Amino acid sequence: MGLGRRTPRAAARSCRSRSPPSCGTLYTPEEIRALADHAHARGMRLHLDGARISNAAAALDVPLRAFTTDAGVDVLSFGGTKNGALGAEAVVVLDPAASEGLLYLRKLNMQLSSKMRFVSAQLIALLDDDLYLRNARHSNAMAQRLRAGVEAGIADGSISGVAFSQPTQSNGVFATLPDSVADELRKAFRFYDWDAAKNEVRWMCSFDTTADDVDAFVAELARLT
């Protein structure tokens, strides 16, 4: 079988960052610029992992280009899966000089759908009329509602033994719980441990999280603690 130009090749060196990071906090445009300058000075490219880039844009309240193109990012991943789409992600090359090898990498490191137009249609819908921002603003707002509800419970004594482990800057809330509470809470709500050794968990809100969902979660947490 002749592979020709589809034969995998090694990629150039690159530096990878994520906004927001997995811990839910945010890089400012200035911080991303500093990372880009550091990478470029060492002959590397900067790739921004944007699985939740819409949440970052909504939280920072700046255009996407402010912390991508204008901040020196060479390549970014525009995530749709965590913002309402089904398996839709896009690789966006901001500096054409950084695109060498991409045709090989899309099969070496990525998944290439046989009917890409159907996947891509979701991204068109997300970008049309700023739907991606509306979805992200909603999920961020639900995370703030969740944190506020837990904070209120801690303040009035209805929730005990719970502490926050990270600032809530996007759509994730990180907290530590008393022993066994996470497993009991998971009987009604799905979430993951972040650091099981510390009883630290990550509660993520999404485009379809409702205020009733959040309030029910807080009420169950209060019952268990």
C-alpha atoms as a PDB file:
ATOM      1  CA  MET A   1       0.000   0.000   0.000  1.00  0.00           C
ATOM      2  CA  GLY A   2       1.548   3.292  -1.060  1.00  0.00           C
ATOM      3  CA  LEU A   3       1.355   5.988   1.629  1.00  0.00           C
ATOM      4  CA  GLY A   4       3.174   8.730  -0.257  1.00  0.00           C
ATOM      5  CA  ARG A   5       2.748  12.130   1.370  1.00  0.00           C
ATOM      6  CA  ARG A   6       0.567  10.666   4.152  1.00  0.00           C
ATOM      7  CA  THR A   7       3.537   9.000   5.813  1.00  0.00           C
ATOM      8  CA  PRO A   8       3.882  10.313   9.406  1.00  0.00           C
ATOM      9  CA  ARG A   9       6.756  12.675  10.088  1.00  0.00           C
ATOM     10  CA  ALA A  10       8.238  14.185  13.223  1.00  0.00           C
ATOM     11  CA  ALA A  11       6.887  17.584  14.248  1.00  0.00           C
ATOM     12  CA  ALA A  12       8.899  20.657  15.142  1.00  0.00           C
ATOM     13  CA  ARG A  13       9.414  21.487  18.794  1.00  0.00           C
ATOM     14  CA  SER A  14       6.560  23.286  20.467  1.00  0.00           C
ATOM     15  CA  CYS A  15       5.398  24.568  23.821  1.00  0.00           C
ATOM     16  CA  ARG A  16       1.824  23.827  24.909  1.00  0.00           C
ATOM     17  CA  SER A  17      -0.393  25.883  27.174  1.00  0.00           C
ATOM     18  CA  ARG A  18      -4.068  25.597  28.103  1.00  0.00           C
ATOM     19  CA  SER A  19      -6.631  28.325  28.722  1.00  0.00           C
ATOM     20  CA  PRO A  20      -8.294  27.888  31.052  1.00  0.00           C
ATOM     21  CA  PRO A  21      -5.980  25.313  32.655  1.00  0.00           C
ATOM     22  CA  SER A  22      -7.429  22.095  34.058  1.00  0.00           C
ATOM     23  CA  CYS A  23      -7.592  23.676  37.517  1.00  0.00           C
ATOM     24  CA  GLY A  24     -10.143  26.209  36.227  1.00  0.00           C
ATOM     25  CA  THR A  25      -8.079  29.360  36.574  1.00  0.00           C
ATOM     26  CA  LEU A  26      -7.250  31.766  33.738  1.00  0.00           C
ATOM     27  CA  TYR A  27      -4.207  33.070  31.924  1.00  0.00           C
ATOM     28  CA  THR A  28      -4.387  36.775  31.175  1.00  0.00           C
ATOM     29  CA  PRO A  29      -3.435  37.986  27.675  1.00  0.00           C
ATOM     30  CA  GLU A  30      -0.239  39.388  29.184  1.00  0.00           C
ATOM     31  CA  GLU A  31       0.690  36.015  30.699  1.00  0.00           C
ATOM     32  CA  ILE A  32       0.108  34.243  27.400  1.00  0.00           C
ATOM     33  CA  ARG A  33       2.242  36.849  25.638  1.00  0.00           C
ATOM     34  CA  ALA A  34       5.024  36.151  28.149  1.00  0.00           C
ATOM     35  CA  LEU A  35       4.769  32.419  27.417  1.00  0.00           C
ATOM     36  CA  ALA A  36       4.847  33.073  23.672  1.00  0.00           C
ATOM     37  CA  ASP A  37       7.886  35.329  23.957  1.00  0.00           C
ATOM     38  CA  HIS A  38       9.662  32.730  26.096  1.00  0.00           C
ATOM     39  CA  ALA A  39       8.914  29.950  23.589  1.00  0.00           C
ATOM     40  CA  HIS A  40       9.804  32.010  20.521  1.00  0.00           C
ATOM     41  CA  ALA A  41      13.103  33.135  22.022  1.00  0.00           C
ATOM     42  CA  ARG A  42      14.055  29.464  22.263  1.00  0.00           C
ATOM     43  CA  GLY A  43      13.035  28.546  18.758  1.00  0.00           C
ATOM     44  CA  MET A  44       9.743  26.934  19.753  1.00  0.00           C
ATOM     45  CA  ARG A  45       6.122  27.484  18.768  1.00  0.00           C
ATOM     46  CA  LEU A  46       3.287  28.100  21.208  1.00  0.00           C
ATOM     47  CA  HIS A  47       0.211  25.886  20.963  1.00  0.00           C
ATOM     48  CA  LEU A  48      -2.798  26.961  23.026  1.00  0.00           C
ATOM     49  CA  ASP A  49      -5.030  24.085  24.081  1.00  0.00           C
ATOM     50  CA  GLY A  50      -8.462  25.667  23.837  1.00  0.00           C
ATOM     51  CA  ALA A  51     -10.734  22.820  24.935  1.00  0.00           C
ATOM     52  CA  ARG A  52     -12.569  25.451  27.014  1.00  0.00           C
ATOM     53  CA  ILE A  53     -11.302  28.531  25.217  1.00  0.00           C
ATOM     54  CA  SER A  54     -14.848  29.900  24.982  1.00  0.00           C
ATOM     55  CA  ASN A  55     -15.068  29.902  28.777  1.00  0.00           C
ATOM     56  CA  ALA A  56     -11.821  31.853  28.928  1.00  0.00           C
ATOM     57  CA  ALA A  57     -13.085  34.430  26.439  1.00  0.00           C
ATOM     58  CA  ALA A  58     -16.334  34.805  28.371  1.00  0.00           C
ATOM     59  CA  ALA A  59     -14.579  35.125  31.726  1.00  0.00           C
ATOM     60  CA  LEU A  60     -11.902  37.545  30.506  1.00  0.00           C
ATOM     61  CA  ASP A  61     -14.540  39.503  28.544  1.00  0.00           C
ATOM     62  CA  VAL A  62     -12.134  40.113  25.679  1.00  0.00           C
ATOM     63  CA  PRO A  63     -12.183  39.024  22.011  1.00  0.00           C
ATOM     64  CA  LEU A  64     -10.577  35.674  21.241  1.00  0.00           C
ATOM     65  CA  ARG A  65      -7.791  37.363  19.307  1.00  0.00           C
ATOM     66  CA  ALA A  66      -6.740  39.335  22.401  1.00  0.00           C
ATOM     67  CA  PHE A  67      -5.254  36.234  24.018  1.00  0.00           C
ATOM     68  CA  THR A  68      -4.453  34.251  20.870  1.00  0.00           C
ATOM     69  CA  THR A  69      -3.346  36.080  17.717  1.00  0.00           C
ATOM     70  CA  ASP A  70      -2.426  39.339  19.457  1.00  0.00           C
ATOM     71  CA  ALA A  71      -0.656  37.467  22.280  1.00  0.00           C
ATOM     72  CA  GLY A  72       1.674  35.570  19.958  1.00  0.00           C
ATOM     73  CA  VAL A  73      -0.019  32.163  19.889  1.00  0.00           C
ATOM     74  CA  ASP A  74       1.038  30.191  16.796  1.00  0.00           C
ATOM     75  CA  VAL A  75      -1.540  27.392  16.811  1.00  0.00           C
ATOM     76  CA  LEU A  76      -4.665  26.878  18.875  1.00  0.00           C
ATOM     77  CA  SER A  77      -7.281  24.206  19.386  1.00  0.00           C
ATOM     78  CA  PHE A  78     -10.792  25.608  19.296  1.00  0.00           C
ATOM     79  CA  GLY A  79     -12.914  23.329  21.442  1.00  0.00           C
ATOM     80  CA  GLY A  80     -16.554  22.617  20.762  1.00  0.00           C
ATOM     81  CA  THR A  81     -17.080  19.335  22.620  1.00  0.00           C
ATOM     82  CA  LYS A  82     -17.097  20.973  26.067  1.00  0.00           C
ATOM     83  CA  ASN A  83     -19.316  23.803  24.877  1.00  0.00           C
ATOM     84  CA  GLY A  84     -22.298  22.096  23.291  1.00  0.00           C
ATOM     85  CA  ALA A  85     -20.924  20.236  20.259  1.00  0.00           C
ATOM     86  CA  LEU A  86     -20.512  16.503  19.731  1.00  0.00           C
ATOM     87  CA  GLY A  87     -16.886  15.584  19.099  1.00  0.00           C
ATOM     88  CA  ALA A  88     -16.134  18.833  17.262  1.00  0.00           C
ATOM     89  CA  GLU A  89     -12.690  20.409  17.654  1.00  0.00           C
ATOM     90  CA  ALA A  90     -10.765  22.621  15.239  1.00  0.00           C
ATOM     91  CA  VAL A  91      -7.038  23.227  14.853  1.00  0.00           C
ATOM     92  CA  VAL A  92      -6.518  26.881  13.960  1.00  0.00           C
ATOM     93  CA  VAL A  93      -3.110  27.857  12.577  1.00  0.00           C
ATOM     94  CA  LEU A  94      -2.517  31.529  13.316  1.00  0.00           C
ATOM     95  CA  ASP A  95       1.013  31.651  11.927  1.00  0.00           C
ATOM     96  CA  PRO A  96       1.164  29.895   8.523  1.00  0.00           C
ATOM     97  CA  ALA A  97       4.842  29.139   9.115  1.00  0.00           C
ATOM     98  CA  ALA A  98       3.797  26.877  11.991  1.00  0.00           C
ATOM     99  CA  SER A  99       1.641  24.624   9.791  1.00  0.00           C
ATOM    100  CA  GLU A 100       4.450  22.409   8.512  1.00  0.00           C
ATOM    101  CA  GLY A 101       3.623  18.768   9.114  1.00  0.00           C
ATOM    102  CA  LEU A 102      -0.004  19.392  10.075  1.00  0.00           C
ATOM    103  CA  LEU A 103      -1.308  17.203   7.246  1.00  0.00           C
ATOM    104  CA  TYR A 104       0.634  14.300   8.735  1.00  0.00           C
ATOM    105  CA  LEU A 105      -0.136  15.080  12.359  1.00  0.00           C
ATOM    106  CA  ARG A 106      -3.892  15.062  11.796  1.00  0.00           C
ATOM    107  CA  LYS A 107      -3.652  11.317  11.215  1.00  0.00           C
ATOM    108  CA  LEU A 108      -0.698  10.600  13.481  1.00  0.00           C
ATOM    109  CA  ASN A 109      -2.021  12.347  16.605  1.00  0.00           C
ATOM    110  CA  MET A 110      -5.648  13.199  15.898  1.00  0.00           C
ATOM    111  CA  GLN A 111      -8.895  11.665  14.740  1.00  0.00           C
ATOM    112  CA  LEU A 112      -9.988  12.331  11.169  1.00  0.00           C
ATOM    113  CA  SER A 113     -13.700  11.847  10.634  1.00  0.00           C
ATOM    114  CA  SER A 114     -14.807  10.397   7.304  1.00  0.00           C
ATOM    115  CA  LYS A 115     -17.707  12.868   7.165  1.00  0.00           C
ATOM    116  CA  MET A 116     -15.962  15.957   8.480  1.00  0.00           C
ATOM    117  CA  ARG A 117     -18.553  18.340   7.047  1.00  0.00           C
ATOM    118  CA  PHE A 118     -21.148  17.075   9.510  1.00  0.00           C
ATOM    119  CA  VAL A 119     -18.798  17.664  12.446  1.00  0.00           C
ATOM    120  CA  SER A 120     -17.760  21.069  11.123  1.00  0.00           C
ATOM    121  CA  ALA A 121     -21.374  22.211  10.792  1.00  0.00           C
ATOM    122  CA  GLN A 122     -21.547  22.268  14.582  1.00  0.00           C
ATOM    123  CA  LEU A 123     -18.643  24.705  14.774  1.00  0.00           C
ATOM    124  CA  ILE A 124     -20.353  26.970  12.247  1.00  0.00           C
ATOM    125  CA  ALA A 125     -23.452  26.954  14.454  1.00  0.00           C
ATOM    126  CA  LEU A 126     -21.385  27.725  17.568  1.00  0.00           C
ATOM    127  CA  LEU A 127     -19.637  30.663  15.925  1.00  0.00           C
ATOM    128  CA  ASP A 128     -22.794  32.053  14.344  1.00  0.00           C
ATOM    129  CA  ASP A 129     -24.254  34.909  16.379  1.00  0.00           C
ATOM    130  CA  ASP A 130     -21.767  34.216  19.223  1.00  0.00           C
ATOM    131  CA  LEU A 131     -23.525  31.066  20.427  1.00  0.00           C
ATOM    132  CA  TYR A 132     -20.171  29.817  21.744  1.00  0.00           C
ATOM    133  CA  LEU A 133     -19.980  32.841  24.038  1.00  0.00           C
ATOM    134  CA  ARG A 134     -23.559  32.533  25.261  1.00  0.00           C
ATOM    135  CA  ASN A 135     -23.006  28.884  26.118  1.00  0.00           C
ATOM    136  CA  ALA A 136     -19.744  29.672  27.892  1.00  0.00           C
ATOM    137  CA  ARG A 137     -21.172  32.597  29.836  1.00  0.00           C
ATOM    138  CA  HIS A 138     -23.972  30.355  31.042  1.00  0.00           C
ATOM    139  CA  SER A 139     -21.663  27.596  32.239  1.00  0.00           C
ATOM    140  CA  ASN A 140     -19.399  30.141  33.944  1.00  0.00           C
ATOM    141  CA  ALA A 141     -22.429  31.698  35.648  1.00  0.00           C
ATOM    142  CA  MET A 142     -23.586  28.286  36.892  1.00  0.00           C
ATOM    143  CA  ALA A 143     -20.147  27.683  38.406  1.00  0.00           C
ATOM    144  CA  GLN A 144     -20.366  31.025  40.199  1.00  0.00           C
ATOM    145  CA  ARG A 145     -23.850  30.087  41.432  1.00  0.00           C
ATOM    146  CA  LEU A 146     -22.513  26.770  42.704  1.00  0.00           C
ATOM    147  CA  ARG A 147     -19.628  28.384  44.539  1.00  0.00           C
ATOM    148  CA  ALA A 148     -21.891  31.068  46.018  1.00  0.00           C
ATOM    149  CA  GLY A 149     -24.352  28.421  47.208  1.00  0.00           C
ATOM    150  CA  VAL A 150     -21.634  26.397  48.903  1.00  0.00           C
ATOM    151  CA  GLU A 151     -20.112  29.540  50.424  1.00  0.00           C
ATOM    152  CA  ALA A 152     -23.524  30.500  51.811  1.00  0.00           C
ATOM    153  CA  GLY A 153     -23.913  27.021  53.291  1.00  0.00           C
ATOM    154  CA  ILE A 154     -20.496  27.205  54.929  1.00  0.00           C
ATOM    155  CA  ALA A 155     -21.340  30.637  56.336  1.00  0.00           C
ATOM    156  CA  ASP A 156     -24.673  29.586  57.865  1.00  0.00           C
ATOM    157  CA  GLY A 157     -23.404  26.230  59.079  1.00  0.00           C
ATOM    158  CA  SER A 158     -25.566  24.022  56.852  1.00  0.00           C
ATOM    159  CA  ILE A 159     -22.422  22.800  55.029  1.00  0.00           C
ATOM    160  CA  SER A 160     -19.420  21.731  57.063  1.00  0.00           C
ATOM    161  CA  GLY A 161     -15.995  20.310  56.333  1.00  0.00           C
ATOM    162  CA  VAL A 162     -15.912  21.701  52.786  1.00  0.00           C
ATOM    163  CA  ALA A 163     -13.179  24.071  51.588  1.00  0.00           C
ATOM    164  CA  PHE A 164     -12.328  25.526  48.191  1.00  0.00           C
ATOM    165  CA  SER A 165      -8.938  24.638  46.732  1.00  0.00           C
ATOM    166  CA  GLN A 166      -8.862  26.924  43.660  1.00  0.00           C
ATOM    167  CA  PRO A 167     -10.360  30.266  42.644  1.00  0.00           C
ATOM    168  CA  THR A 168     -13.507  29.867  40.520  1.00  0.00           C
ATOM    169  CA  GLN A 169     -12.654  31.795  37.371  1.00  0.00           C
ATOM    170  CA  SER A 170     -14.402  29.804  34.642  1.00  0.00           C
ATOM    171  CA  ASN A 171     -16.813  26.863  34.728  1.00  0.00           C
ATOM    172  CA  GLY A 172     -15.127  24.650  37.319  1.00  0.00           C
ATOM    173  CA  VAL A 173     -15.329  24.583  41.124  1.00  0.00           C
ATOM    174  CA  PHE A 174     -12.586  22.785  43.057  1.00  0.00           C
ATOM    175  CA  ALA A 175     -13.122  21.768  46.667  1.00  0.00           C
ATOM    176  CA  THR A 176     -12.031  19.351  49.350  1.00  0.00           C
ATOM    177  CA  LEU A 177     -14.674  17.255  51.087  1.00  0.00           C
ATOM    178  CA  PRO A 178     -14.928  15.225  54.296  1.00  0.00           C
ATOM    179  CA  ASP A 179     -14.190  11.497  54.023  1.00  0.00           C
ATOM    180  CA  SER A 180     -16.784   9.443  52.095  1.00  0.00           C
ATOM    181  CA  VAL A 181     -18.888  12.485  51.139  1.00  0.00           C
ATOM    182  CA  ALA A 182     -17.739  12.430  47.501  1.00  0.00           C
ATOM    183  CA  ASP A 183     -18.844   8.822  46.995  1.00  0.00           C
ATOM    184  CA  GLU A 184     -22.227   9.502  48.585  1.00  0.00           C
ATOM    185  CA  LEU A 185     -22.705  12.652  46.529  1.00  0.00           C
ATOM    186  CA  ARG A 186     -21.839  10.744  43.349  1.00  0.00           C
ATOM    187  CA  LYS A 187     -24.881   8.541  43.856  1.00  0.00           C
ATOM    188  CA  ALA A 188     -26.958  11.491  42.660  1.00  0.00           C
ATOM    189  CA  PHE A 189     -24.471  13.637  40.703  1.00  0.00           C
ATOM    190  CA  ARG A 190     -21.609  12.697  38.429  1.00  0.00           C
ATOM    191  CA  PHE A 191     -18.198  14.266  38.988  1.00  0.00           C
ATOM    192  CA  TYR A 192     -14.560  13.237  39.281  1.00  0.00           C
ATOM    193  CA  ASP A 193     -11.926  13.250  41.984  1.00  0.00           C
ATOM    194  CA  TRP A 194      -9.145  15.716  41.258  1.00  0.00           C
ATOM    195  CA  ASP A 195      -6.746  14.532  43.963  1.00  0.00           C
ATOM    196  CA  ALA A 196      -8.214  11.569  45.812  1.00  0.00           C
ATOM    197  CA  ALA A 197      -5.395  11.627  48.362  1.00  0.00           C
ATOM    198  CA  LYS A 198      -6.605  15.054  49.503  1.00  0.00           C
ATOM    199  CA  ASN A 199     -10.345  14.374  49.009  1.00  0.00           C
ATOM    200  CA  GLU A 200     -10.205  17.095  46.356  1.00  0.00           C
ATOM    201  CA  VAL A 201     -12.914  17.066  43.695  1.00  0.00           C
ATOM    202  CA  ARG A 202     -13.709  18.993  40.526  1.00  0.00           C
ATOM    203  CA  TRP A 203     -17.284  20.110  39.850  1.00  0.00           C
ATOM    204  CA  MET A 204     -17.788  21.215  36.258  1.00  0.00           C
ATOM    205  CA  CYS A 205     -20.769  23.191  34.971  1.00  0.00           C
ATOM    206  CA  SER A 206     -21.751  23.095  31.311  1.00  0.00           C
ATOM    207  CA  PHE A 207     -23.893  24.808  28.709  1.00  0.00           C
ATOM    208  CA  ASP A 208     -26.917  22.748  29.813  1.00  0.00           C
ATOM    209  CA  THR A 209     -26.476  23.010  33.591  1.00  0.00           C
ATOM    210  CA  THR A 210     -29.572  24.643  35.065  1.00  0.00           C
ATOM    211  CA  ALA A 211     -30.029  26.736  38.192  1.00  0.00           C
ATOM    212  CA  ASP A 212     -32.233  23.946  39.555  1.00  0.00           C
ATOM    213  CA  ASP A 213     -29.380  21.466  38.999  1.00  0.00           C
ATOM    214  CA  VAL A 214     -27.026  23.657  40.990  1.00  0.00           C
ATOM    215  CA  ASP A 215     -29.476  24.278  43.827  1.00  0.00           C
ATOM    216  CA  ALA A 216     -30.243  20.556  44.105  1.00  0.00           C
ATOM    217  CA  PHE A 217     -26.524  19.797  44.240  1.00  0.00           C
ATOM    218  CA  VAL A 218     -25.944  22.314  47.023  1.00  0.00           C
ATOM    219  CA  ALA A 219     -28.916  20.945  48.973  1.00  0.00           C
ATOM    220  CA  GLU A 220     -27.603  17.377  48.708  1.00  0.00           C
ATOM    221  CA  LEU A 221     -24.127  18.494  49.768  1.00  0.00           C
ATOM    222  CA  ALA A 222     -25.652  20.186  52.794  1.00  0.00           C
ATOM    223  CA  ARG A 223     -27.576  17.021  53.692  1.00  0.00           C
ATOM    224  CA  LEU A 224     -24.448  14.896  53.503  1.00  0.00           C
ATOM    225  CA  THR A 225     -22.239  17.197  55.530  1.00  0.00           C
END
